[in-house]
Amino acid sequence: METTTPTTSALEPLISLEELSDYLHVPVKTLYDWRTAGRGPRAVHVGRQLRFFLSDVHAWLAQQREPEPGRGTPGR
């Protein structure tokens, strides 16, 4: 029986807090505030650093999308 080991190219990319800040065009402090309030995307602790799976960022962004143009997201 042959077993395969995933290569690093098969791993999902992670982005740093600073990269997420640049991508969303919001200050790093805002991301920390969202995390404290439980409103931001899920993170992974890698040592003392926070990293974000791109799939978690995309899922979080999809939840932020308004249901119709000009309508706020539910619960806001």
PDB file of N, CA and C in Angstrom:
ATOM      1  N   MET A   1       0.845  -1.171   0.000  1.00  0.00           N
ATOM      2  CA  MET A   1       0.000   0.000   0.000  1.00  0.00           C
ATOM      3  C   MET A   1       0.888   1.231   0.000  1.00  0.00           C
ATOM      4  N   GLU A   2       0.601   2.117  -0.890  1.00  0.00           N
ATOM      5  CA  GLU A   2       1.400   3.335  -1.026  1.00  0.00           C
ATOM      6  C   GLU A   2       0.739   4.468  -0.247  1.00  0.00           C
ATOM      7  N   THR A   3       1.525   5.172   0.536  1.00  0.00           N
ATOM      8  CA  THR A   3       0.998   6.336   1.251  1.00  0.00           C
ATOM      9  C   THR A   3       1.651   7.575   0.679  1.00  0.00           C
ATOM     10  N   THR A   4       0.896   8.639   0.680  1.00  0.00           N
ATOM     11  CA  THR A   4       1.453   9.894   0.175  1.00  0.00           C
ATOM     12  C   THR A   4       1.457  10.907   1.301  1.00  0.00           C
ATOM     13  N   THR A   5       2.463  11.705   1.306  1.00  0.00           N
ATOM     14  CA  THR A   5       2.591  12.778   2.282  1.00  0.00           C
ATOM     15  C   THR A   5       2.327  14.089   1.565  1.00  0.00           C
ATOM     16  N   PRO A   6       1.416  14.919   2.131  1.00  0.00           N
ATOM     17  CA  PRO A   6       1.164  16.198   1.455  1.00  0.00           C
ATOM     18  C   PRO A   6       2.429  17.036   1.378  1.00  0.00           C
ATOM     19  N   THR A   7       2.596  17.694   0.275  1.00  0.00           N
ATOM     20  CA  THR A   7       3.733  18.593   0.127  1.00  0.00           C
ATOM     21  C   THR A   7       3.314  19.984   0.595  1.00  0.00           C
ATOM     22  N   THR A   8       4.279  20.854   0.768  1.00  0.00           N
ATOM     23  CA  THR A   8       3.951  22.206   1.210  1.00  0.00           C
ATOM     24  C   THR A   8       3.087  22.928   0.188  1.00  0.00           C
ATOM     25  N   SER A   9       3.183  22.552  -1.081  1.00  0.00           N
ATOM     26  CA  SER A   9       2.355  23.203  -2.086  1.00  0.00           C
ATOM     27  C   SER A   9       0.881  22.819  -1.942  1.00  0.00           C
ATOM     28  N   ALA A  10       0.594  21.720  -1.226  1.00  0.00           N
ATOM     29  CA  ALA A  10      -0.787  21.294  -1.023  1.00  0.00           C
ATOM     30  C   ALA A  10      -1.411  21.960   0.202  1.00  0.00           C
ATOM     31  N   LEU A  11      -0.612  22.659   0.988  1.00  0.00           N
ATOM     32  CA  LEU A  11      -1.138  23.333   2.165  1.00  0.00           C
ATOM     33  C   LEU A  11      -1.838  24.622   1.767  1.00  0.00           C
ATOM     34  N   GLU A  12      -2.902  24.936   2.505  1.00  0.00           N
ATOM     35  CA  GLU A  12      -3.615  26.179   2.237  1.00  0.00           C
ATOM     36  C   GLU A  12      -2.768  27.364   2.683  1.00  0.00           C
ATOM     37  N   PRO A  13      -2.712  28.409   1.878  1.00  0.00           N
ATOM     38  CA  PRO A  13      -1.911  29.579   2.246  1.00  0.00           C
ATOM     39  C   PRO A  13      -2.436  30.275   3.499  1.00  0.00           C
ATOM     40  N   LEU A  14      -1.519  30.785   4.275  1.00  0.00           N
ATOM     41  CA  LEU A  14      -1.830  31.608   5.439  1.00  0.00           C
ATOM     42  C   LEU A  14      -1.345  33.019   5.168  1.00  0.00           C
ATOM     43  N   ILE A  15      -2.096  33.997   5.676  1.00  0.00           N
ATOM     44  CA  ILE A  15      -1.636  35.377   5.566  1.00  0.00           C
ATOM     45  C   ILE A  15      -1.474  35.954   6.966  1.00  0.00           C
ATOM     46  N   SER A  16      -0.615  36.933   7.073  1.00  0.00           N
ATOM     47  CA  SER A  16      -0.338  37.570   8.360  1.00  0.00           C
ATOM     48  C   SER A  16      -1.395  38.632   8.663  1.00  0.00           C
ATOM     49  N   LEU A  17      -1.373  39.109   9.875  1.00  0.00           N
ATOM     50  CA  LEU A  17      -2.274  40.183  10.297  1.00  0.00           C
ATOM     51  C   LEU A  17      -2.057  41.427   9.442  1.00  0.00           C
ATOM     52  N   GLU A  18      -0.804  41.733   9.168  1.00  0.00           N
ATOM     53  CA  GLU A  18      -0.479  42.904   8.355  1.00  0.00           C
ATOM     54  C   GLU A  18      -0.978  42.741   6.923  1.00  0.00           C
ATOM     55  N   GLU A  19      -0.840  41.530   6.366  1.00  0.00           N
ATOM     56  CA  GLU A  19      -1.336  41.279   5.009  1.00  0.00           C
ATOM     57  C   GLU A  19      -2.854  41.389   4.953  1.00  0.00           C
ATOM     58  N   LEU A  20      -3.533  40.878   5.990  1.00  0.00           N
ATOM     59  CA  LEU A  20      -4.984  40.996   6.048  1.00  0.00           C
ATOM     60  C   LEU A  20      -5.398  42.456   6.161  1.00  0.00           C
ATOM     61  N   SER A  21      -4.668  43.221   6.952  1.00  0.00           N
ATOM     62  CA  SER A  21      -4.923  44.648   7.097  1.00  0.00           C
ATOM     63  C   SER A  21      -4.813  45.355   5.744  1.00  0.00           C
ATOM     64  N   ASP A  22      -3.766  45.060   5.005  1.00  0.00           N
ATOM     65  CA  ASP A  22      -3.574  45.645   3.673  1.00  0.00           C
ATOM     66  C   ASP A  22      -4.688  45.224   2.722  1.00  0.00           C
ATOM     67  N   TYR A  23      -5.053  43.952   2.757  1.00  0.00           N
ATOM     68  CA  TYR A  23      -6.075  43.426   1.858  1.00  0.00           C
ATOM     69  C   TYR A  23      -7.432  44.075   2.102  1.00  0.00           C
ATOM     70  N   LEU A  24      -7.789  44.242   3.379  1.00  0.00           N
ATOM     71  CA  LEU A  24      -9.094  44.813   3.727  1.00  0.00           C
ATOM     72  C   LEU A  24      -9.074  46.343   3.783  1.00  0.00           C
ATOM     73  N   HIS A  25      -7.888  46.931   3.721  1.00  0.00           N
ATOM     74  CA  HIS A  25      -7.723  48.386   3.823  1.00  0.00           C
ATOM     75  C   HIS A  25      -8.273  48.910   5.151  1.00  0.00           C
ATOM     76  N   VAL A  26      -7.943  48.189   6.223  1.00  0.00           N
ATOM     77  CA  VAL A  26      -8.303  48.629   7.576  1.00  0.00           C
ATOM     78  C   VAL A  26      -7.043  48.562   8.434  1.00  0.00           C
ATOM     79  N   PRO A  27      -6.958  49.420   9.457  1.00  0.00           N
ATOM     80  CA  PRO A  27      -5.777  49.379  10.327  1.00  0.00           C
ATOM     81  C   PRO A  27      -5.679  48.058  11.105  1.00  0.00           C
ATOM     82  N   VAL A  28      -4.465  47.679  11.444  1.00  0.00           N
ATOM     83  CA  VAL A  28      -4.234  46.486  12.252  1.00  0.00           C
ATOM     84  C   VAL A  28      -5.020  46.590  13.562  1.00  0.00           C
ATOM     85  N   LYS A  29      -5.070  47.770  14.149  1.00  0.00           N
ATOM     86  CA  LYS A  29      -5.811  47.959  15.403  1.00  0.00           C
ATOM     87  C   LYS A  29      -7.283  47.593  15.237  1.00  0.00           C
ATOM     88  N   THR A  30      -7.864  47.912  14.093  1.00  0.00           N
ATOM     89  CA  THR A  30      -9.257  47.549  13.837  1.00  0.00           C
ATOM     90  C   THR A  30      -9.417  46.032  13.847  1.00  0.00           C
ATOM     91  N   LEU A  31      -8.472  45.319  13.259  1.00  0.00           N
ATOM     92  CA  LEU A  31      -8.536  43.858  13.266  1.00  0.00           C
ATOM     93  C   LEU A  31      -8.463  43.322  14.693  1.00  0.00           C
ATOM     94  N   TYR A  32      -7.593  43.898  15.519  1.00  0.00           N
ATOM     95  CA  TYR A  32      -7.524  43.486  16.923  1.00  0.00           C
ATOM     96  C   TYR A  32      -8.841  43.796  17.642  1.00  0.00           C
ATOM     97  N   ASP A  33      -9.428  44.967  17.366  1.00  0.00           N
ATOM     98  CA  ASP A  33     -10.715  45.325  17.973  1.00  0.00           C
ATOM     99  C   ASP A  33     -11.796  44.338  17.555  1.00  0.00           C
ATOM    100  N   TRP A  34     -11.835  43.975  16.268  1.00  0.00           N
ATOM    101  CA  TRP A  34     -12.822  43.005  15.802  1.00  0.00           C
ATOM    102  C   TRP A  34     -12.631  41.666  16.493  1.00  0.00           C
ATOM    103  N   ARG A  35     -11.373  41.249  16.673  1.00  0.00           N
ATOM    104  CA  ARG A  35     -11.104  39.972  17.344  1.00  0.00           C
ATOM    105  C   ARG A  35     -11.593  40.015  18.787  1.00  0.00           C
ATOM    106  N   THR A  36     -11.328  41.114  19.480  1.00  0.00           N
ATOM    107  CA  THR A  36     -11.758  41.254  20.869  1.00  0.00           C
ATOM    108  C   THR A  36     -13.283  41.175  20.966  1.00  0.00           C
ATOM    109  N   ALA A  37     -13.976  41.760  19.990  1.00  0.00           N
ATOM    110  CA  ALA A  37     -15.441  41.763  19.969  1.00  0.00           C
ATOM    111  C   ALA A  37     -16.016  40.476  19.363  1.00  0.00           C
ATOM    112  N   GLY A  38     -15.154  39.582  18.881  1.00  0.00           N
ATOM    113  CA  GLY A  38     -15.623  38.339  18.270  1.00  0.00           C
ATOM    114  C   GLY A  38     -16.232  38.530  16.894  1.00  0.00           C
ATOM    115  N   ARG A  39     -15.816  39.579  16.184  1.00  0.00           N
ATOM    116  CA  ARG A  39     -16.425  39.923  14.896  1.00  0.00           C
ATOM    117  C   ARG A  39     -15.548  39.637  13.684  1.00  0.00           C
ATOM    118  N   GLY A  40     -14.292  39.428  13.858  1.00  0.00           N
ATOM    119  CA  GLY A  40     -13.392  39.259  12.718  1.00  0.00           C
ATOM    120  C   GLY A  40     -13.273  37.818  12.276  1.00  0.00           C
ATOM    121  N   PRO A  41     -12.467  37.579  11.232  1.00  0.00           N
ATOM    122  CA  PRO A  41     -12.259  36.206  10.759  1.00  0.00           C
ATOM    123  C   PRO A  41     -11.466  35.386  11.778  1.00  0.00           C
ATOM    124  N   ARG A  42     -11.664  34.077  11.715  1.00  0.00           N
ATOM    125  CA  ARG A  42     -10.936  33.170  12.606  1.00  0.00           C
ATOM    126  C   ARG A  42      -9.450  33.215  12.294  1.00  0.00           C
ATOM    127  N   ALA A  43      -8.647  33.047  13.335  1.00  0.00           N
ATOM    128  CA  ALA A  43      -7.190  33.087  13.180  1.00  0.00           C
ATOM    129  C   ALA A  43      -6.574  31.805  13.705  1.00  0.00           C
ATOM    130  N   VAL A  44      -5.322  31.609  13.347  1.00  0.00           N
ATOM    131  CA  VAL A  44      -4.513  30.494  13.819  1.00  0.00           C
ATOM    132  C   VAL A  44      -3.294  31.091  14.504  1.00  0.00           C
ATOM    133  N   HIS A  45      -2.981  30.589  15.681  1.00  0.00           N
ATOM    134  CA  HIS A  45      -1.762  31.024  16.360  1.00  0.00           C
ATOM    135  C   HIS A  45      -0.607  30.156  15.881  1.00  0.00           C
ATOM    136  N   VAL A  46       0.401  30.791  15.341  1.00  0.00           N
ATOM    137  CA  VAL A  46       1.631  30.119  14.939  1.00  0.00           C
ATOM    138  C   VAL A  46       2.716  30.728  15.816  1.00  0.00           C
ATOM    139  N   GLY A  47       3.016  30.019  16.881  1.00  0.00           N
ATOM    140  CA  GLY A  47       3.888  30.615  17.891  1.00  0.00           C
ATOM    141  C   GLY A  47       3.146  31.782  18.516  1.00  0.00           C
ATOM    142  N   ARG A  48       3.761  32.945  18.496  1.00  0.00           N
ATOM    143  CA  ARG A  48       3.126  34.152  19.036  1.00  0.00           C
ATOM    144  C   ARG A  48       2.452  34.992  17.963  1.00  0.00           C
ATOM    145  N   GLN A  49       2.509  34.518  16.737  1.00  0.00           N
ATOM    146  CA  GLN A  49       1.963  35.275  15.613  1.00  0.00           C
ATOM    147  C   GLN A  49       0.558  34.789  15.257  1.00  0.00           C
ATOM    148  N   LEU A  50      -0.261  35.693  14.748  1.00  0.00           N
ATOM    149  CA  LEU A  50      -1.577  35.333  14.220  1.00  0.00           C
ATOM    150  C   LEU A  50      -1.464  35.170  12.711  1.00  0.00           C
ATOM    151  N   ARG A  51      -2.075  34.118  12.209  1.00  0.00           N
ATOM    152  CA  ARG A  51      -2.150  33.885  10.770  1.00  0.00           C
ATOM    153  C   ARG A  51      -3.601  33.557  10.441  1.00  0.00           C
ATOM    154  N   PHE A  52      -3.961  33.765   9.184  1.00  0.00           N
ATOM    155  CA  PHE A  52      -5.332  33.564   8.744  1.00  0.00           C
ATOM    156  C   PHE A  52      -5.343  32.677   7.506  1.00  0.00           C
ATOM    157  N   PHE A  53      -6.158  31.607   7.552  1.00  0.00           N
ATOM    158  CA  PHE A  53      -6.368  30.796   6.364  1.00  0.00           C
ATOM    159  C   PHE A  53      -7.195  31.625   5.388  1.00  0.00           C
ATOM    160  N   LEU A  54      -6.815  31.612   4.134  1.00  0.00           N
ATOM    161  CA  LEU A  54      -7.562  32.369   3.131  1.00  0.00           C
ATOM    162  C   LEU A  54      -9.018  31.921   3.074  1.00  0.00           C
ATOM    163  N   SER A  55      -9.273  30.631   3.267  1.00  0.00           N
ATOM    164  CA  SER A  55     -10.660  30.143   3.225  1.00  0.00           C
ATOM    165  C   SER A  55     -11.479  30.735   4.370  1.00  0.00           C
ATOM    166  N   ASP A  56     -10.871  30.928   5.548  1.00  0.00           N
ATOM    167  CA  ASP A  56     -11.585  31.549   6.668  1.00  0.00           C
ATOM    168  C   ASP A  56     -11.879  33.020   6.385  1.00  0.00           C
ATOM    169  N   VAL A  57     -10.935  33.702   5.760  1.00  0.00           N
ATOM    170  CA  VAL A  57     -11.149  35.109   5.404  1.00  0.00           C
ATOM    171  C   VAL A  57     -12.280  35.211   4.384  1.00  0.00           C
ATOM    172  N   HIS A  58     -12.276  34.341   3.359  1.00  0.00           N
ATOM    173  CA  HIS A  58     -13.324  34.373   2.346  1.00  0.00           C
ATOM    174  C   HIS A  58     -14.689  34.041   2.952  1.00  0.00           C
ATOM    175  N   ALA A  59     -14.741  33.063   3.860  1.00  0.00           N
ATOM    176  CA  ALA A  59     -16.004  32.701   4.508  1.00  0.00           C
ATOM    177  C   ALA A  59     -16.520  33.868   5.351  1.00  0.00           C
ATOM    178  N   TRP A  60     -15.634  34.517   6.073  1.00  0.00           N
ATOM    179  CA  TRP A  60     -16.022  35.663   6.897  1.00  0.00           C
ATOM    180  C   TRP A  60     -16.533  36.806   6.019  1.00  0.00           C
ATOM    181  N   LEU A  61     -15.840  37.065   4.926  1.00  0.00           N
ATOM    182  CA  LEU A  61     -16.280  38.121   4.007  1.00  0.00           C
ATOM    183  C   LEU A  61     -17.658  37.807   3.426  1.00  0.00           C
ATOM    184  N   ALA A  62     -17.907  36.554   3.098  1.00  0.00           N
ATOM    185  CA  ALA A  62     -19.217  36.170   2.565  1.00  0.00           C
ATOM    186  C   ALA A  62     -20.316  36.440   3.590  1.00  0.00           C
ATOM    187  N   GLN A  63     -20.005  36.260   4.871  1.00  0.00           N
ATOM    188  CA  GLN A  63     -20.986  36.531   5.927  1.00  0.00           C
ATOM    189  C   GLN A  63     -21.247  38.027   6.075  1.00  0.00           C
ATOM    190  N   GLN A  64     -20.300  38.853   5.657  1.00  0.00           N
ATOM    191  CA  GLN A  64     -20.445  40.300   5.782  1.00  0.00           C
ATOM    192  C   GLN A  64     -21.239  40.897   4.621  1.00  0.00           C
ATOM    193  N   ARG A  65     -21.421  40.116   3.573  1.00  0.00           N
ATOM    194  CA  ARG A  65     -22.098  40.623   2.368  1.00  0.00           C
ATOM    195  C   ARG A  65     -23.553  40.946   2.680  1.00  0.00           C
ATOM    196  N   GLU A  66     -24.003  42.089   2.210  1.00  0.00           N
ATOM    197  CA  GLU A  66     -25.399  42.468   2.409  1.00  0.00           C
ATOM    198  C   GLU A  66     -26.284  41.575   1.555  1.00  0.00           C
ATOM    199  N   PRO A  67     -27.483  41.227   2.054  1.00  0.00           N
ATOM    200  CA  PRO A  67     -28.348  40.315   1.302  1.00  0.00           C
ATOM    201  C   PRO A  67     -28.856  40.914  -0.011  1.00  0.00           C
ATOM    202  N   GLU A  68     -29.059  42.212  -0.021  1.00  0.00           N
ATOM    203  CA  GLU A  68     -29.485  42.922  -1.233  1.00  0.00           C
ATOM    204  C   GLU A  68     -28.794  44.287  -1.215  1.00  0.00           C
ATOM    205  N   PRO A  69     -28.582  44.876  -2.374  1.00  0.00           N
ATOM    206  CA  PRO A  69     -27.959  46.201  -2.400  1.00  0.00           C
ATOM    207  C   PRO A  69     -28.736  47.192  -1.543  1.00  0.00           C
ATOM    208  N   GLY A  70     -28.010  47.900  -0.703  1.00  0.00           N
ATOM    209  CA  GLY A  70     -28.621  48.907   0.161  1.00  0.00           C
ATOM    210  C   GLY A  70     -29.210  48.371   1.446  1.00  0.00           C
ATOM    211  N   ARG A  71     -29.147  47.064   1.652  1.00  0.00           N
ATOM    212  CA  ARG A  71     -29.663  46.449   2.884  1.00  0.00           C
ATOM    213  C   ARG A  71     -28.480  46.017   3.739  1.00  0.00           C
ATOM    214  N   GLY A  72     -28.543  46.333   5.023  1.00  0.00           N
ATOM    215  CA  GLY A  72     -27.470  45.933   5.930  1.00  0.00           C
ATOM    216  C   GLY A  72     -27.480  44.448   6.176  1.00  0.00           C
ATOM    217  N   THR A  73     -26.375  43.950   6.738  1.00  0.00           N
ATOM    218  CA  THR A  73     -26.322  42.535   7.091  1.00  0.00           C
ATOM    219  C   THR A  73     -27.196  42.290   8.319  1.00  0.00           C
ATOM    220  N   PRO A  74     -27.794  41.120   8.443  1.00  0.00           N
ATOM    221  CA  PRO A  74     -28.646  40.824   9.593  1.00  0.00           C
ATOM    222  C   PRO A  74     -27.880  40.985  10.903  1.00  0.00           C
ATOM    223  N   GLY A  75     -28.544  41.513  11.903  1.00  0.00           N
ATOM    224  CA  GLY A  75     -27.926  41.647  13.222  1.00  0.00           C
ATOM    225  C   GLY A  75     -27.092  42.888  13.394  1.00  0.00           C
ATOM    226  N   ARG A  76     -27.146  43.803  12.459  1.00  0.00           N
ATOM    227  CA  ARG A  76     -26.355  45.042  12.589  1.00  0.00           C
ATOM    228  C   ARG A  76     -27.251  46.220  12.731  1.00  0.00           C
TER     229      ARG A  76
END
